[in-house]
Protein backbone atom coordinates (compact mmCIF):
# COMPACT_ATOMS: atom_id res chain seq x y z
CA VAL A 1 42.66 17.17 -151.55
CA GLY A 2 43.92 15.97 -154.50
CA ALA A 3 46.34 14.21 -152.50
CA LYS A 4 43.81 12.02 -150.45
CA MET A 5 42.15 11.88 -153.84
CA HIS A 6 45.00 10.04 -155.21
CA LYS A 7 45.21 8.04 -152.05
CA VAL A 8 41.42 6.91 -152.05
CA ASP A 9 41.70 6.46 -155.52
CA LEU A 10 44.20 3.47 -154.92
CA PRO A 11 43.05 0.24 -156.15
CA LEU A 12 41.90 -1.95 -152.53
CA GLU A 13 43.46 -5.62 -153.40
CA ASN A 14 47.12 -3.47 -154.07
CA LYS A 15 47.38 -1.90 -150.81
CA GLU A 16 46.11 -5.54 -149.13
CA ALA A 17 48.92 -6.96 -151.18
CA ALA A 18 51.75 -4.37 -150.29
CA ALA A 19 50.54 -5.01 -146.28
CA LEU A 20 50.79 -8.45 -146.88
CA GLU A 21 53.84 -8.24 -148.40
CA ALA A 22 55.61 -5.79 -146.56
CA ARG A 23 54.80 -8.30 -143.40
CA ARG A 24 56.38 -10.99 -145.13
CA GLU A 25 59.46 -8.69 -145.08
CA ARG A 26 59.30 -8.01 -142.34
CA GLU A 27 58.55 -11.53 -141.02
CA LYS A 28 61.63 -13.02 -142.86
CA GLN A 29 63.81 -10.54 -141.20
CA ARG A 30 62.48 -11.25 -137.52
CA LEU A 31 63.54 -15.05 -138.26
CA SER A 32 67.34 -14.47 -140.23
CA ARG A 33 67.47 -12.53 -136.58
CA ILE A 34 65.86 -15.01 -134.49
CA PHE A 35 67.69 -18.29 -136.23
CA ASN A 36 71.07 -16.66 -136.64
CA ALA A 37 73.43 -17.29 -133.80
CA ARG A 38 75.61 -15.00 -134.07
CA HIS A 39 73.94 -11.71 -134.30
CA ARG A 40 71.51 -13.47 -131.79
CA THR A 41 70.80 -12.94 -128.26
CA MET A 42 69.63 -15.51 -126.04
CA GLY A 43 69.21 -15.00 -121.71
CA VAL A 44 69.64 -12.14 -119.86
CA SER A 45 71.93 -9.56 -118.87
CA PRO A 46 75.86 -11.15 -117.63
CA ALA A 47 75.69 -8.26 -115.13
CA GLY A 48 72.62 -8.73 -113.77
CA THR A 49 72.98 -12.63 -113.75
CA HIS A 50 75.91 -12.31 -111.67
CA CYS A 51 74.30 -10.30 -109.16
CA VAL A 52 71.37 -13.02 -109.28
CA LEU A 53 73.93 -15.38 -108.59
CA GLN A 54 75.50 -13.63 -105.60
CA GLY A 55 72.09 -13.00 -104.21
CA LEU A 56 71.66 -16.57 -104.46
CA GLN A 57 74.40 -17.90 -103.01
CA HIS A 58 74.44 -14.97 -100.34
CA TRP A 59 70.87 -16.61 -99.44
CA GLU A 60 71.88 -19.91 -99.48
CA ARG A 61 75.48 -19.28 -97.51
CA GLY A 62 73.04 -17.76 -95.34
CA GLN A 63 70.81 -20.69 -94.67
CA ILE A 64 73.77 -23.13 -94.42
CA ARG A 65 75.04 -20.79 -91.27
CA SER A 66 71.58 -20.84 -89.56
CA LEU A 67 71.54 -24.37 -90.16
CA GLU A 68 74.76 -25.17 -88.93
CA GLN A 69 73.98 -23.09 -86.01
CA GLU A 70 71.00 -25.17 -85.32
CA GLN A 71 72.44 -28.46 -86.11
CA ARG A 72 75.26 -27.30 -83.30
CA LEU A 73 72.35 -26.45 -81.13
CA THR A 74 70.75 -29.36 -81.71
CA ASP A 75 73.89 -31.23 -81.22
CA ALA A 76 74.26 -30.00 -77.54
CA GLU A 77 70.57 -30.38 -76.73
CA ARG A 78 71.08 -34.02 -78.03
CA VAL A 79 74.35 -34.23 -75.72
CA LEU A 80 72.79 -33.00 -73.14
CA CYS A 81 69.28 -35.01 -73.55
CA ASP A 82 71.81 -38.15 -73.68
CA GLN A 83 73.57 -37.38 -70.48
CA VAL A 84 69.89 -36.73 -68.38
CA ALA A 85 68.86 -40.18 -69.74
CA GLN A 86 72.05 -41.66 -68.85
CA MET A 87 71.82 -40.34 -65.29
CA LEU A 88 68.33 -41.06 -64.97
CA GLU A 89 68.91 -44.54 -66.48
CA GLU A 90 71.85 -45.07 -63.67
CA GLU A 91 69.61 -43.57 -60.93
CA GLU A 92 67.11 -46.67 -62.65
CA CYS A 93 70.03 -49.26 -62.44
CA GLN A 94 70.39 -48.44 -58.86
CA ARG A 95 67.14 -48.01 -57.27
CA VAL A 96 66.30 -51.15 -59.37
CA ARG A 97 69.69 -53.11 -57.66
CA ARG A 98 68.33 -51.52 -54.67
CA LEU A 99 64.99 -53.73 -54.90
CA HIS A 100 66.59 -56.60 -55.93
CA GLN A 101 68.76 -56.71 -52.84
CA ALA A 102 66.18 -55.59 -50.49
CA VAL A 103 63.69 -58.55 -52.07
CA GLN A 104 66.90 -60.99 -51.80
CA GLU A 105 67.36 -59.65 -47.96
CA PHE A 106 63.91 -60.45 -47.50
CA ARG A 107 63.94 -63.62 -48.64
CA GLU A 108 66.69 -64.67 -47.05
CA GLN A 109 65.85 -63.20 -43.35
CA GLN A 110 61.86 -63.84 -44.02
CA GLN A 111 61.74 -66.87 -46.15
CA PRO A 112 64.39 -69.52 -45.49
CA PRO A 113 63.75 -73.12 -47.06
CA SER A 114 63.17 -74.68 -43.76
CA THR A 115 60.05 -72.62 -43.82
CA ARG A 116 58.61 -73.63 -46.89
CA ARG A 117 55.98 -76.68 -47.30
CA GLU A 118 58.07 -78.52 -49.40
CA TRP A 119 61.64 -78.57 -47.43
CA ASP A 120 61.06 -82.02 -46.39
CA LEU A 121 61.42 -83.12 -49.90
CA TYR A 122 64.42 -81.67 -50.46
CA ASN A 123 66.27 -81.27 -47.50
CA PRO A 124 69.78 -82.40 -47.83
CA GLU A 125 69.78 -83.47 -44.34
CA GLY A 126 66.18 -85.24 -44.47
CA LEU A 127 67.84 -89.07 -43.71
CA ARG A 128 70.28 -87.64 -40.87
CA GLN A 129 67.37 -85.89 -39.25
CA ASP A 130 64.56 -88.60 -40.00
CA HIS A 131 64.06 -91.08 -37.24
CA PRO A 132 64.66 -94.77 -37.73
CA ALA A 133 62.99 -97.23 -38.67
CA ARG A 134 62.59 -98.72 -34.68
CA VAL A 135 64.38 -97.76 -31.91
CA SER A 136 64.21 -100.80 -29.97
CA ASP A 137 62.85 -104.38 -30.47
CA TYR A 138 59.55 -103.04 -28.36
CA ASP A 139 59.67 -99.91 -30.17
CA PRO A 140 55.66 -98.98 -30.00
CA HIS A 141 55.39 -97.20 -33.45
CA CYS A 142 55.84 -100.69 -35.09
CA GLY A 143 53.08 -102.67 -34.68
CA PRO A 144 52.43 -106.23 -36.20
CA ALA A 145 51.85 -105.28 -39.59
CA SER A 146 55.35 -103.13 -39.75
CA LEU A 147 57.44 -106.27 -40.32
CA GLN A 148 60.28 -104.72 -38.57
CA ARG A 149 60.94 -107.15 -36.15
CA PHE A 150 62.10 -110.55 -36.79
CA ALA A 151 62.81 -114.13 -35.22
CA GLY A 152 66.62 -114.59 -34.32
CA GLU A 153 67.43 -110.83 -34.58
CA ASP A 154 69.16 -109.15 -31.92
CA LEU A 155 69.26 -105.20 -31.93
CA ALA A 156 70.84 -104.72 -28.53
CA LEU A 157 73.71 -106.38 -29.33
CA PRO A 158 75.84 -103.13 -29.96
CA THR A 159 75.04 -101.90 -26.29
CA ARG A 160 75.82 -105.56 -25.17
CA HIS A 161 79.14 -105.13 -26.22
CA GLN A 162 79.63 -101.75 -25.28
CA LEU A 163 78.82 -102.94 -21.31
CA GLN A 164 81.01 -105.84 -21.94
CA GLN A 165 84.37 -103.17 -22.75
CA GLU A 166 83.58 -101.36 -20.11
CA GLN A 167 83.15 -104.13 -17.57
CA GLN A 168 87.04 -105.52 -19.18
CA CYS A 169 88.26 -101.76 -18.44
CA HIS A 170 86.87 -101.50 -14.63
CA SER A 171 88.65 -104.94 -13.94
CA LEU A 172 91.75 -103.86 -15.81
CA GLU A 173 92.17 -100.88 -13.50
CA GLU A 174 91.58 -102.58 -10.49
CA GLN A 175 94.30 -104.81 -11.43
CA ARG A 176 96.65 -102.36 -12.35
CA ALA A 177 95.96 -100.56 -8.77
CA GLU A 178 96.45 -103.15 -7.05
CA TRP A 179 99.89 -103.66 -8.29
CA GLN A 180 100.43 -99.78 -7.55
CA ARG A 181 99.64 -100.46 -3.89
CA ALA A 182 102.51 -104.04 -3.92
CA MET A 183 104.83 -101.73 -5.40
CA ALA A 184 104.72 -99.00 -3.00
CA ASP A 185 104.70 -101.65 0.09
CA SER A 186 108.37 -102.57 -1.22
CA LYS A 187 109.43 -99.57 -1.96
CA TYR A 188 108.64 -98.20 1.94
CA ALA A 189 110.55 -101.46 3.48
CA GLY A 190 113.63 -101.02 1.53
CA GLU A 191 113.38 -96.98 2.25
CA SER A 192 113.28 -97.98 6.08
CA MET A 193 116.38 -99.60 5.83
CA GLY A 194 118.90 -96.86 4.82
CA THR A 195 117.47 -93.63 7.28
CA GLY A 196 120.55 -93.58 9.51
CA LEU A 197 122.24 -92.71 5.71
CA ARG A 198 119.73 -90.35 4.78
CA VAL A 199 119.98 -88.47 8.21
CA GLU A 200 123.84 -88.25 7.98
CA LEU A 201 123.85 -86.90 4.27
CA ASP A 202 121.37 -84.49 5.34
CA LEU A 203 123.42 -83.29 8.20
CA ARG A 204 126.35 -82.74 5.74
CA ALA A 205 124.17 -81.10 3.19
CA GLN A 206 123.11 -78.53 5.78
CA GLN A 207 126.66 -77.80 6.60
CA LEU A 208 127.85 -77.41 3.16
CA ALA A 209 124.50 -74.68 2.20
CA GLN A 210 125.72 -72.63 5.84
CA LEU A 211 129.28 -72.16 4.31
CA GLU A 212 127.85 -71.18 1.27
CA GLU A 213 125.58 -68.47 2.50
CA GLU A 214 128.51 -66.83 4.65
CA CYS A 215 130.06 -66.73 1.40
CA ARG A 216 127.49 -65.49 -0.16
CA HIS A 217 127.26 -62.81 2.53
CA ALA A 218 130.61 -61.64 2.42
CA LYS A 219 130.97 -61.15 -1.43
CA ASP A 220 127.65 -59.58 -1.13
CA LEU A 221 129.69 -56.85 1.28
CA ALA A 222 132.27 -56.40 -0.66
CA THR A 223 130.01 -55.73 -4.06
CA ALA A 224 127.90 -53.24 -2.02
CA ASP A 225 131.31 -51.12 -0.68
CA TYR A 226 132.70 -51.41 -4.36
CA ASN A 227 129.13 -49.57 -5.18
CA ARG A 228 128.83 -47.10 -2.72
CA ALA A 229 131.86 -46.06 -4.11
CA GLN A 230 131.27 -46.02 -7.79
CA GLU A 231 127.80 -44.07 -7.08
CA ALA A 232 130.11 -41.87 -5.05
CA GLU A 233 132.11 -40.93 -7.89
CA ALA A 234 129.39 -40.80 -9.88
CA ALA A 235 127.92 -38.12 -7.47
CA GLU A 236 130.89 -35.98 -7.33
CA GLN A 237 131.54 -36.30 -11.33
CA HIS A 238 127.44 -35.28 -11.86
CA ARG A 239 127.66 -32.44 -9.36
CA LEU A 240 130.97 -30.87 -10.91
CA ALA A 241 129.00 -31.02 -15.22
CA HIS A 242 126.27 -29.22 -13.06
CA GLN A 243 128.23 -26.81 -12.20
CA GLN A 244 129.73 -26.35 -15.65
CA GLU A 245 126.41 -26.21 -16.58
CA GLN A 246 124.63 -23.61 -14.79
CA ASP A 247 128.51 -21.51 -15.27
CA ASP A 248 127.76 -22.06 -19.25
CA ASN A 249 124.29 -21.01 -18.92
CA GLN A 250 125.24 -18.08 -16.93
CA ALA A 251 127.32 -17.15 -18.78
CA GLU A 252 125.37 -17.53 -22.03
CA ILE A 253 122.68 -15.23 -20.38
CA HIS A 254 125.04 -12.78 -19.75
CA ASN A 255 126.21 -12.79 -23.41
CA HIS A 256 122.65 -12.71 -24.94
CA LEU A 257 121.82 -9.64 -22.16
CA THR A 258 124.52 -7.50 -23.52
CA GLY A 259 124.87 -8.52 -26.59
CA PRO A 260 122.74 -7.44 -29.60
CA LEU A 261 120.19 -9.92 -30.25
CA LEU A 262 117.94 -8.93 -27.07
CA THR A 263 118.18 -5.37 -28.56
CA GLU A 264 114.89 -4.07 -30.22
CA ASP A 265 116.87 -1.99 -32.76
CA PRO A 266 114.98 -3.68 -35.93
CA ALA A 267 118.65 -2.73 -38.08
CA VAL A 268 120.32 -5.58 -36.44
CA ALA A 269 118.48 -8.15 -38.79
CA ASP A 270 119.19 -6.11 -41.54
CA SER A 271 121.02 -8.10 -44.01
CA PRO A 272 123.88 -6.66 -46.19
CA LEU A 273 122.34 -9.04 -49.56
CA GLY A 274 119.45 -5.85 -49.79
CA PRO A 275 116.76 -4.20 -48.17
CA HIS A 276 114.09 -7.05 -48.42
CA ARG A 277 116.44 -9.89 -46.81
CA ILE A 278 116.97 -10.14 -43.37
CA LEU A 279 118.63 -12.36 -41.04
CA THR A 280 117.37 -14.83 -39.50
CA ASP A 281 119.06 -15.49 -36.46
CA ARG A 282 118.50 -11.76 -35.50
CA TRP A 283 115.04 -11.24 -36.49
CA LYS A 284 112.71 -9.82 -33.20
CA GLY A 285 109.70 -10.72 -35.40
CA MET A 286 107.00 -8.25 -37.16
CA SER A 287 106.43 -4.76 -35.89
CA PRO A 288 102.43 -3.98 -34.57
CA LYS A 289 102.30 -2.50 -37.62
CA GLN A 290 103.19 -5.79 -39.97
CA VAL A 291 101.11 -7.21 -38.22
CA GLU A 292 98.16 -5.74 -38.59
CA ALA A 293 99.04 -5.59 -41.97
CA MET A 294 99.45 -8.97 -42.03
CA TRP A 295 95.94 -9.84 -40.57
CA LYS A 296 93.94 -7.32 -42.78
CA ALA A 297 95.41 -9.31 -45.93
CA GLN A 298 94.26 -12.65 -44.36
CA GLU A 299 90.87 -11.14 -43.73
CA GLU A 300 90.77 -9.99 -47.17
CA GLN A 301 91.55 -13.05 -48.56
CA ARG A 302 88.87 -14.98 -46.65
CA GLN A 303 86.45 -12.30 -47.65
CA GLU A 304 87.45 -12.57 -50.99
CA ASN A 305 87.68 -16.71 -51.20
CA GLN A 306 84.01 -16.66 -49.53
CA ARG A 307 83.09 -14.09 -52.22
CA LEU A 308 84.76 -16.43 -54.49
CA ARG A 309 82.77 -19.69 -53.25
CA GLU A 310 79.15 -17.63 -52.92
CA ALA A 311 79.63 -17.05 -56.27
CA GLU A 312 80.75 -20.53 -57.83
CA ARG A 313 77.69 -21.53 -55.49
CA GLN A 314 75.59 -19.07 -57.74
CA ARG A 315 77.09 -20.11 -60.60
CA GLU A 316 76.46 -24.04 -59.74
CA ALA A 317 73.30 -22.90 -59.02
CA GLU A 318 72.71 -21.02 -62.61
CA TRP A 319 74.33 -23.99 -64.19
CA GLU A 320 71.77 -26.98 -62.27
CA ALA A 321 69.02 -24.66 -63.19
CA GLN A 322 69.80 -23.65 -67.19
CA ARG A 323 70.40 -27.54 -66.80
CA GLN A 324 66.94 -28.05 -66.09
CA LEU A 325 65.38 -25.45 -68.17
CA ALA A 326 67.66 -26.80 -71.57
CA ALA A 327 66.50 -30.59 -70.16
CA ARG A 328 63.09 -29.60 -70.20
CA ALA A 329 63.38 -27.25 -73.62
CA ALA A 330 65.17 -30.35 -75.28
CA MET A 331 62.22 -32.79 -74.13
CA VAL A 332 59.67 -29.78 -75.42
CA LEU A 333 61.61 -29.43 -78.78
CA GLU A 334 61.60 -33.17 -79.41
CA GLU A 335 57.89 -33.50 -78.89
CA GLU A 336 57.40 -30.72 -81.45
CA GLN A 337 59.56 -32.22 -83.72
CA ARG A 338 58.26 -35.56 -83.07
CA ARG A 339 54.44 -33.64 -83.76
CA ALA A 340 56.14 -31.76 -86.65
CA ARG A 341 57.60 -35.03 -88.58
CA LEU A 342 54.08 -36.56 -87.56
CA GLN A 343 52.95 -33.47 -89.26
CA LEU A 344 54.89 -33.36 -92.51
CA ARG A 345 54.39 -37.17 -92.50
CA LYS A 346 50.52 -36.81 -93.07
CA GLY A 347 50.92 -34.01 -95.57
CA LEU A 348 53.32 -35.73 -97.26
CA ASP A 349 50.88 -38.70 -97.44
CA ALA A 350 47.63 -36.39 -98.40
CA TYR A 351 49.70 -34.91 -101.30
CA ASN A 352 51.10 -38.16 -102.41
CA GLN A 353 47.34 -39.62 -102.27
CA GLN A 354 46.93 -36.30 -104.01
CA LEU A 355 49.28 -36.69 -106.79
CA ALA A 356 48.65 -40.31 -107.59
CA GLN A 357 44.83 -39.47 -108.08
CA GLU A 358 46.02 -36.91 -110.81
CA GLN A 359 48.56 -38.93 -112.13
CA ARG A 360 45.40 -41.64 -112.87
CA TYR A 361 43.23 -38.95 -114.05
CA LEU A 362 45.69 -37.47 -116.13
CA GLN A 363 46.82 -41.46 -117.89
CA ARG A 364 43.19 -42.24 -117.65
CA GLU A 365 41.42 -38.65 -119.35
CA LEU A 366 44.41 -36.63 -120.79
CA TYR A 367 46.89 -38.54 -122.25
CA THR A 368 45.22 -40.46 -125.15
CA ASN A 369 46.40 -38.67 -127.65
CA PRO A 370 50.31 -39.35 -127.68
CA PRO A 371 51.61 -36.87 -130.04
CA SER A 372 53.05 -37.37 -133.70
CA ALA A 373 56.21 -36.50 -135.59
CA ALA A 374 54.26 -34.01 -137.27
CA TYR A 375 53.58 -32.12 -134.39
CA HIS A 376 57.31 -31.69 -133.29
CA LEU A 377 58.18 -30.72 -137.07
CA GLN A 378 55.87 -27.54 -136.29
CA PHE A 379 58.35 -25.81 -133.66
CA ASN A 380 60.79 -23.19 -134.97
CA THR A 381 58.61 -22.79 -137.94
CA SER A 382 57.83 -19.06 -137.44
CA SER A 383 59.03 -15.66 -135.12
CA ARG A 384 56.12 -16.45 -132.88
């Protein structure tokens, strides 16, 4: 009780002064610790910082890998879309080319230049196909006011010249025929004088022809005898050769029948070079079991090839379906990306407008009192 009384008896100003002095001492110590670069510990612990950095790096690498995978998928889809677009463009070009060709063929077949209304204006053969101004002196198309016939003109001059030339040629032909008849008469008169000499020459020629015919006949007989002798000798040689060939064939057949070639022993075809080799000149062919095994192997190969072809067809069908699905997915993805970009653009525009409004509000309402040097000097003067 005495202690309590002693504590209560302390003056109030002394206690407040002691508390204030203690606070000031603690503040000085705190300031010395904070503003002392040697004893101060700033930031976070290195171990924690290292773990955080590793986590951030791992997350960034995962994001980078996912972005790269998405980029590869996007590139593959873009390539596939480009190929599909090229195919569609090629088909469109071919369709347009066929359409233009059909239109050109229709124009050439159904719309030739000669069927047009203005053909008479630019026809290259128009002047040649056009009728002359007048056909004769009495052309009914030429009236009194046509000014196509004048005094002194003679349009029948070429026709008259042609008729005169024809008459002259006809008279020349008659003169030549008369001259030929005169020459024939004079020749007949000269030939009648040498008729006797001609008869004698004809008889002499007949005698010479008869002698020549007899000589030719004798020569033909001698040639025929010589040919018959040559033919008999050739026939005898052919018979002897045929007989020799028959004898050789009989000997060969006998040798084959009695030799090891036609035996059914498969050991005859065994090669001394190894059991997997045969002598082709003695081989009798495969046994029924070998033939059956060969046919069985061929049937298995055929079934295997058919199975492979069917699998290839199914793979092609699946690839085609995948390509179509990928094309549709690429189109849908591109549409979604376009909508996302449009939505993002709209959001960015709205956000930019909001920021602009806030900037204008800050500059107009809040940032009206810029800070002075005294404002910056008040920092780092206390530990709080």
